[in-house]
Protein backbone atom coordinates (compact mmCIF):
# COMPACT_ATOMS: atom_id res chain seq x y z
CA MET A 1 42.12 57.51 112.67
CA THR A 2 45.74 58.55 112.69
CA ALA A 3 47.13 60.73 109.93
CA ASN A 4 49.94 59.24 107.93
CA PRO A 5 53.35 60.78 108.67
CA PRO A 6 54.80 62.87 105.86
CA ASP A 7 57.10 61.05 103.51
CA ALA A 8 60.50 62.52 104.36
CA GLN A 9 62.03 60.97 101.27
CA ASN A 10 59.66 62.96 99.04
CA ALA A 11 60.32 66.28 100.81
CA PRO A 12 61.98 68.85 98.54
CA PRO A 13 65.67 69.46 99.26
CA PRO A 14 66.54 72.70 101.05
CA VAL A 15 67.24 75.62 98.75
CA ALA A 16 70.97 76.28 98.38
CA ILE A 17 72.11 79.43 100.15
CA PRO A 18 73.82 82.05 97.94
CA LEU A 19 77.43 82.68 98.94
CA THR A 20 79.36 85.86 98.19
CA VAL A 21 83.08 86.21 98.87
CA VAL A 22 84.46 89.69 99.55
CA GLY A 23 88.16 90.13 98.79
CA GLY A 24 90.66 92.89 98.25
CA PHE A 25 94.11 93.90 99.42
CA LEU A 26 94.85 95.19 102.90
CA GLY A 27 93.05 98.44 103.63
CA ALA A 28 90.81 98.37 100.56
CA GLY A 29 87.67 98.68 102.69
CA LYS A 30 86.39 95.10 103.12
CA THR A 31 85.48 95.45 106.80
CA THR A 32 83.81 98.81 106.24
CA PHE A 33 81.77 97.16 103.48
CA LEU A 34 80.65 94.45 105.92
CA ASN A 35 79.77 97.02 108.57
CA HIS A 36 77.43 98.69 106.08
CA LEU A 37 75.96 95.32 105.18
CA LEU A 38 75.11 94.41 108.77
CA ARG A 39 73.48 97.78 109.46
CA GLN A 40 71.59 98.12 106.17
CA GLN A 41 70.65 94.52 105.43
CA THR A 42 68.34 93.68 102.53
CA CYS A 43 67.97 90.05 103.67
CA ARG A 44 69.06 87.79 106.55
CA TYR A 45 72.84 87.67 106.14
CA ALA A 46 75.41 85.45 107.81
CA VAL A 47 78.73 87.31 107.65
CA LEU A 48 81.94 85.35 108.35
CA VAL A 49 84.98 87.37 109.40
CA ASN A 50 88.49 86.68 110.61
CA ASP A 51 87.90 88.51 113.91
CA PHE A 52 85.22 90.57 115.62
CA GLY A 53 87.61 93.32 116.68
CA ALA A 54 87.51 95.20 113.38
CA VAL A 55 83.79 94.73 112.69
CA ASN A 56 82.09 97.58 114.49
CA VAL A 57 78.69 96.03 115.15
CA ASP A 58 76.31 98.58 116.69
CA ALA A 59 75.67 97.50 120.28
CA ALA A 60 71.98 98.35 119.88
CA LEU A 61 71.74 95.68 117.15
CA ILE A 62 73.24 92.84 119.21
CA ARG A 63 70.73 90.33 120.59
CA SER A 64 73.31 87.84 121.91
CA HIS A 65 77.06 87.20 121.72
CA ASP A 66 78.72 83.89 122.68
CA GLY A 67 82.30 84.70 121.66
CA ASN A 68 82.06 82.92 118.28
CA THR A 69 78.76 84.24 116.96
CA ILE A 70 76.95 87.56 117.27
CA ASN A 71 73.18 87.32 116.75
CA LEU A 72 71.59 90.58 115.66
CA ASN A 73 68.08 91.86 116.20
CA ASN A 74 67.62 92.29 112.45
CA GLY A 75 68.04 88.54 111.85
CA CYS A 76 71.65 88.72 110.64
CA ILE A 77 74.50 86.86 112.33
CA CYS A 78 78.23 87.53 112.36
CA CYS A 79 80.58 84.57 112.91
CA THR A 80 84.31 84.58 113.56
CA MET A 81 86.55 82.17 111.65
CA ALA A 82 88.99 81.83 114.55
CA ASP A 83 88.51 78.03 114.52
CA GLY A 84 88.63 77.82 110.75
CA LEU A 85 86.30 78.44 107.83
CA GLY A 86 84.83 74.94 108.00
CA GLU A 87 83.80 75.31 111.64
CA ALA A 88 82.24 78.72 110.98
CA LEU A 89 80.23 77.40 108.03
CA MET A 90 79.00 74.46 110.12
CA ARG A 91 77.73 76.87 112.79
CA VAL A 92 75.95 78.96 110.18
CA LEU A 93 74.34 76.00 108.37
CA ALA A 94 73.23 74.48 111.70
CA ALA A 95 71.61 77.71 112.95
CA PRO A 96 67.91 77.37 113.89
CA GLN A 97 67.04 80.03 111.31
CA ARG A 98 69.01 79.50 108.12
CA PRO A 99 70.49 82.66 106.59
CA GLU A 100 69.28 83.85 103.22
CA HIS A 101 72.79 84.82 102.09
CA ILE A 102 76.29 83.97 103.36
CA VAL A 103 79.10 86.52 102.97
CA ILE A 104 82.72 85.61 103.71
CA GLU A 105 85.55 88.12 104.09
CA ALA A 106 88.74 86.78 102.53
CA SER A 107 92.17 87.60 103.90
CA GLY A 108 93.64 90.83 102.56
CA VAL A 109 96.65 88.93 101.22
CA GLY A 110 94.72 85.88 100.07
CA ASP A 111 92.96 84.71 96.93
CA PRO A 112 89.15 85.02 97.36
CA TRP A 113 88.69 82.35 94.72
CA GLN A 114 90.08 79.72 97.11
CA ILE A 115 87.10 80.37 99.38
CA ALA A 116 84.67 80.61 96.47
CA GLU A 117 85.64 77.10 95.36
CA ILE A 118 84.12 75.74 98.57
CA ALA A 119 80.67 76.74 97.36
CA MET A 120 81.16 74.70 94.21
CA LEU A 121 81.59 71.54 96.30
CA GLU A 122 79.00 72.20 99.03
CA PRO A 123 75.42 71.29 98.02
CA ASP A 124 73.93 73.62 100.67
CA MET A 125 75.59 76.67 99.09
CA ASP A 126 75.56 78.28 95.65
CA LEU A 127 78.24 80.72 94.59
CA ALA A 128 76.65 84.08 93.81
CA ALA A 129 79.65 86.34 93.32
CA VAL A 130 83.23 87.22 94.13
CA ILE A 131 83.41 90.93 94.95
CA VAL A 132 86.83 92.55 95.21
CA LEU A 133 87.51 96.02 96.61
CA ALA A 134 90.44 98.13 95.43
CA ASP A 135 91.80 101.38 96.82
CA ALA A 136 91.56 103.91 93.98
CA GLU A 137 94.38 106.03 95.38
CA GLN A 138 96.80 103.14 96.13
CA LEU A 139 95.98 100.72 93.29
CA LEU A 140 98.69 101.84 90.83
CA THR A 141 101.35 101.78 93.55
CA GLN A 142 100.25 98.31 94.65
CA LEU A 143 100.25 96.90 91.12
CA ALA A 144 103.78 98.22 90.56
CA ASP A 145 105.10 96.86 93.84
CA PRO A 146 107.35 93.81 93.22
CA TYR A 147 106.30 92.21 96.50
CA ILE A 148 102.51 92.55 96.40
CA GLY A 149 101.67 93.29 92.77
CA ASP A 150 101.02 89.63 91.87
CA THR A 151 98.65 89.23 94.83
CA VAL A 152 96.62 92.30 93.86
CA ARG A 153 96.47 91.26 90.20
CA ARG A 154 95.32 87.76 91.12
CA GLN A 155 92.53 89.11 93.32
CA ILE A 156 91.28 91.37 90.52
CA ARG A 157 91.40 88.63 87.88
CA ARG A 158 89.17 86.43 90.05
CA ALA A 159 86.51 89.10 90.63
CA ASP A 160 82.98 89.16 89.22
CA LEU A 161 82.62 92.76 90.36
CA LEU A 162 85.20 95.28 91.49
CA LEU A 163 84.35 98.08 93.90
CA LEU A 164 86.79 100.89 93.16
CA ASN A 165 86.74 102.38 96.62
CA LYS A 166 87.98 105.69 98.06
CA ILE A 167 87.51 107.52 94.78
CA ASP A 168 87.22 110.73 96.79
CA LEU A 169 90.93 110.37 97.67
CA ALA A 170 92.13 109.97 94.07
CA ASP A 171 92.48 112.88 91.66
CA THR A 172 91.17 112.65 88.10
CA ALA A 173 94.49 111.60 86.55
CA ARG A 174 95.04 108.83 89.09
CA LEU A 175 91.48 107.59 88.70
CA GLN A 176 91.79 107.45 84.91
CA ALA A 177 95.09 105.58 85.23
CA ALA A 178 93.46 103.11 87.64
CA TYR A 179 90.71 102.41 85.11
CA ALA A 180 93.31 101.88 82.37
CA ALA A 181 95.22 99.39 84.55
CA LEU A 182 92.04 97.50 85.42
CA SER A 183 91.00 97.36 81.77
CA ALA A 184 94.39 95.89 80.86
CA LEU A 185 93.91 93.19 83.49
CA ARG A 186 90.24 92.40 82.84
CA PRO A 187 88.62 94.27 79.92
CA GLU A 188 85.19 92.78 80.76
CA LEU A 189 85.35 93.48 84.51
CA ARG A 190 82.33 95.24 85.99
CA ILE A 191 83.44 98.23 88.09
CA VAL A 192 81.40 100.25 90.57
CA GLU A 193 82.84 103.38 92.18
CA THR A 194 82.34 103.76 95.95
CA ARG A 195 83.22 106.10 98.77
CA ASN A 196 83.69 104.64 102.24
CA ALA A 197 82.94 101.16 100.79
CA GLU A 198 79.18 101.68 100.92
CA PRO A 199 77.53 98.91 98.88
CA PRO A 200 75.05 99.94 96.18
CA ALA A 201 71.48 98.67 96.56
CA LEU A 202 71.01 94.96 95.78
CA LEU A 203 74.72 94.63 95.04
CA LEU A 204 74.93 91.00 96.14
CA ARG A 205 72.10 89.73 93.92
CA PHE A 206 73.55 90.26 90.45
CA ALA A 207 74.37 87.36 88.12
CA HIS A 208 78.05 86.56 88.17
CA ALA A 209 80.24 87.13 85.16
CA THR A 210 82.46 84.69 83.30
CA ARG A 211 85.77 84.21 85.07
CA PRO A 212 89.06 83.35 83.43
CA ASP A 213 89.81 79.68 84.13
CA ASN A 214 93.47 79.53 83.17
CA LEU A 215 95.04 81.14 86.24
CA PRO A 216 97.66 79.17 88.13
CA PRO A 217 96.97 78.07 91.73
CA ALA A 218 97.21 80.94 94.20
CA GLU A 219 100.00 81.48 96.68
CA PRO A 220 98.07 83.88 98.92
CA GLU A 221 100.70 84.77 101.45
CA HIS A 222 103.89 84.54 99.45
CA GLY A 223 106.42 87.01 100.80
CA ILE A 224 104.05 88.45 103.43
CA ARG A 225 105.35 88.87 106.97
CA ARG A 226 103.38 89.43 110.15
CA TRP A 227 104.34 91.48 113.18
CA LEU A 228 102.73 91.42 116.62
CA TYR A 229 103.31 94.09 119.26
CA ARG A 230 101.85 93.53 122.71
CA ARG A 231 102.89 95.62 125.71
CA LYS A 232 101.45 96.85 128.99
CA ILE A 233 102.33 100.32 127.91
CA VAL A 234 100.82 103.81 127.91
CA PHE A 235 101.68 105.87 124.86
CA ASP A 236 102.39 109.59 124.81
CA ARG A 237 100.39 110.82 121.82
CA LYS A 238 102.96 113.53 121.05
CA ARG A 239 105.61 110.80 120.71
CA LEU A 240 103.36 108.27 118.99
CA GLU A 241 102.23 110.44 116.09
CA PRO A 242 105.77 111.05 114.68
CA VAL A 243 106.34 107.27 114.80
CA LEU A 244 103.17 106.64 112.81
CA ASN A 245 104.16 109.33 110.30
CA SER A 246 107.59 107.79 109.69
CA LEU A 247 106.90 104.04 109.53
CA PRO A 248 108.62 102.25 106.60
CA PRO A 249 106.50 101.77 103.44
CA ALA A 250 107.17 98.02 103.59
CA LEU A 251 104.77 97.91 106.56
CA LEU A 252 101.62 97.70 104.46
CA ARG A 253 98.94 97.47 107.14
CA LEU A 254 98.80 98.11 110.88
CA LYS A 255 95.80 97.90 113.14
CA GLY A 256 95.08 97.37 116.79
CA TRP A 257 94.57 99.17 120.08
CA CYS A 258 96.79 101.80 121.65
CA ARG A 259 96.44 102.80 125.30
CA ILE A 260 97.15 106.53 125.27
CA ALA A 261 97.62 108.93 128.17
CA ASP A 262 94.92 111.52 128.79
CA THR A 263 96.40 114.99 128.45
CA THR A 264 93.95 116.32 131.04
CA GLY A 265 95.21 113.94 133.75
CA GLY A 266 92.40 111.41 133.54
CA GLU A 267 92.65 107.66 133.03
CA PRO A 268 94.47 106.45 129.90
CA ARG A 269 92.08 105.52 127.10
CA PHE A 270 92.19 102.88 124.40
CA TYR A 271 92.16 104.07 120.79
CA LEU A 272 91.68 101.94 117.68
CA LEU A 273 94.56 102.44 115.25
CA GLN A 274 93.96 101.80 111.55
CA MET A 275 96.86 102.35 109.15
CA THR A 276 97.04 101.58 105.44
CA GLY A 277 100.05 102.80 103.52
CA PRO A 278 100.82 106.38 104.58
CA ARG A 279 97.31 107.01 106.02
CA TRP A 280 96.40 106.34 109.65
CA ASN A 281 93.81 107.36 112.17
CA LEU A 282 93.14 106.92 115.88
CA THR A 283 89.56 106.73 117.13
CA PRO A 284 88.24 106.07 120.66
CA ALA A 285 87.89 102.30 120.97
CA GLU A 286 84.63 100.63 121.84
CA GLY A 287 83.23 97.12 121.84
CA THR A 288 83.84 93.69 123.28
CA ALA A 289 87.47 93.45 122.16
CA LEU A 290 88.55 95.82 124.94
CA ALA A 291 87.54 93.32 127.62
CA VAL A 292 90.47 91.01 126.79
CA LEU A 293 93.20 93.65 126.45
CA ASP A 294 93.92 93.88 130.21
CA GLN A 295 95.60 97.30 129.91
CA GLU A 296 97.79 96.09 127.03
CA SER A 297 98.41 97.93 123.81
CA LEU A 298 98.07 95.40 120.99
CA LEU A 299 99.07 95.99 117.36
CA VAL A 300 99.16 93.60 114.40
CA GLY A 301 101.13 94.48 111.29
CA LEU A 302 101.49 92.97 107.81
CA GLY A 303 104.27 93.79 105.41
CA HIS A 304 106.40 92.40 102.63
CA ALA A 305 109.89 90.97 102.79
CA ALA A 306 111.58 94.40 103.05
CA MET A 307 109.81 95.17 106.33
CA PRO A 308 112.29 95.84 109.20
CA GLU A 309 112.93 93.16 111.80
CA ASP A 310 110.37 92.75 114.57
CA THR A 311 112.74 94.15 117.19
CA VAL A 312 113.35 97.30 115.14
CA LEU A 313 109.63 98.00 114.80
CA ALA A 314 109.06 97.26 118.48
CA ALA A 315 111.80 99.71 119.47
CA LEU A 316 110.08 102.49 117.50
CA PHE A 317 106.85 102.04 119.46
CA ASP A 318 108.63 101.49 122.78
CA ALA A 319 110.19 104.92 122.33
CA ALA A 320 106.70 106.45 122.10
CA ALA A 321 105.81 105.40 125.66
CA MET A 322 105.21 107.83 128.47
CA PRO A 323 108.20 108.15 130.83
CA THR A 324 108.05 105.50 133.56
CA GLY A 325 107.20 107.87 136.38
CA VAL A 326 104.37 109.42 134.40
CA ILE A 327 103.02 105.98 133.49
CA GLN A 328 102.75 105.08 137.18
CA ALA A 329 100.97 108.34 137.85
CA VAL A 330 98.30 107.85 135.20
CA ALA A 331 97.92 104.04 135.18
């Protein structure tokens, strides 16, 4: 006697996957937050990012990597949105093992609520929270800036929870002023202080708050300019550092890879440059992104309308190159 096949029509629908959107202005700490999440997971996350280059996934965690998706040994996956958010979500939802929570990193100059609205239309997902990070030291300056202030305010007004990050860099007076500014924007906003964007335990599982529903449609990139610098160039660190210390304030964010000469006469090395406002750092670069650089230094900048012309910025970095004869000697 053959058993009757299960009635597919009576099968319960799949449980909707919670979705959390992580927003915040350039340099607030979103990518650092995601790095913590992938290393210290409390469930099986699918993390969607704009590019893999900034997400420093520990090589020991990687089970496989196909260029669009990194599968981790701890059950988490990390997907790039290079082909668009829709394509990335389709890959995640079609994965053999469905994630228990989806986390999407919004653009630093975008409105995280635009991404959150997707969850309200997609039956396979359920919006859990919009988390926005803010730089405690830079927040007051950003809010007062005529070019970016509206973007920062809009991000904060859409948040269920705000992580006031980098509190170790802000003195007491600046921190108190930041709280006063946030209270004026959203008196009911839940705020958690963080250092190095480390998420508190079970952060993503709280019930979301009531959001204001009378905000006008977002214009996420109004007035924002991009700058790309790509050269087969070897930098002299002694020339590069003064350039980084004197870049115009209208250049809000700069990140990428610099090929820098070895002062001991060895091969030039790639360093990851991260710059937000007046702060920058160079760290030895690692990871899969280096495979596609082909000895090129590659920098991507974002700034507002007062940022100098592309050729002016390029000339500043060109001047930090090693002299031609020295380049040939070390290349």
